[in-house]
């Protein structure tokens, strides 16, 4: 059961990561430029937000 619970947790985190990344990707180019967010930075921000 512990393995099943950890798989479920990992799946929820992956969904949250993808959702956060999609939100960052959905920002306008001007906002991304103002915040200095490129594709690599967006992935890092999403990862840090979800996985710590």
Protein backbone atom coordinates (compact mmCIF):
# COMPACT_ATOMS: atom_id res chain seq x y z
CA UNK A 1 0.00 0.00 0.00
CA UNK A 2 2.85 2.38 0.72
CA UNK A 3 4.10 2.05 -2.86
CA UNK A 4 0.62 2.74 -4.23
CA UNK A 5 0.30 5.84 -2.05
CA UNK A 6 3.70 7.13 -3.15
CA UNK A 7 2.81 6.54 -6.80
CA UNK A 8 -0.42 8.49 -6.31
CA UNK A 9 1.47 11.33 -4.65
CA UNK A 10 4.02 11.39 -7.47
CA UNK A 11 1.23 11.47 -10.06
CA UNK A 12 -0.50 14.38 -8.28
CA UNK A 13 2.77 16.31 -8.12
CA UNK A 14 3.42 15.67 -11.82
CA UNK A 15 -0.04 17.01 -12.70
CA UNK A 16 0.55 20.07 -10.53
CA UNK A 17 3.95 20.61 -12.17
CA UNK A 18 2.46 20.42 -15.67
CA UNK A 19 -0.36 22.79 -14.67
CA UNK A 20 2.10 25.30 -13.21
CA UNK A 21 4.32 25.07 -16.27
CA UNK A 22 1.32 25.64 -18.54
CA UNK A 23 0.39 28.74 -16.55
CA UNK A 24 3.90 30.11 -16.91
CA UNK A 25 3.95 29.30 -20.62
CA UNK A 26 0.61 31.08 -20.99
CA UNK A 27 2.04 34.40 -19.86
CA UNK A 28 2.43 36.98 -22.58
CA UNK A 29 5.86 37.43 -24.11
CA UNK A 30 6.07 40.93 -22.63
CA UNK A 31 5.42 39.67 -19.10
CA UNK A 32 7.90 36.83 -19.53
CA UNK A 33 10.50 39.30 -20.78
CA UNK A 34 9.82 41.66 -17.86
CA UNK A 35 10.22 38.80 -15.40
CA UNK A 36 13.18 37.31 -17.30
CA UNK A 37 11.47 33.94 -17.75
CA UNK A 38 12.60 31.77 -20.63
CA UNK A 39 11.66 28.10 -21.17
CA UNK A 40 14.43 26.76 -18.93
CA UNK A 41 13.62 29.26 -16.17
CA UNK A 42 9.91 28.39 -16.40
CA UNK A 43 10.70 24.70 -15.91
CA UNK A 44 12.90 25.50 -12.93
CA UNK A 45 10.27 27.76 -11.33
CA UNK A 46 7.56 25.13 -11.79
CA UNK A 47 9.82 22.42 -10.37
CA UNK A 48 10.75 24.50 -7.33
CA UNK A 49 7.13 25.45 -6.71
CA UNK A 50 5.90 21.85 -6.68
CA UNK A 51 8.82 19.73 -5.53
CA UNK A 52 10.52 22.26 -3.33
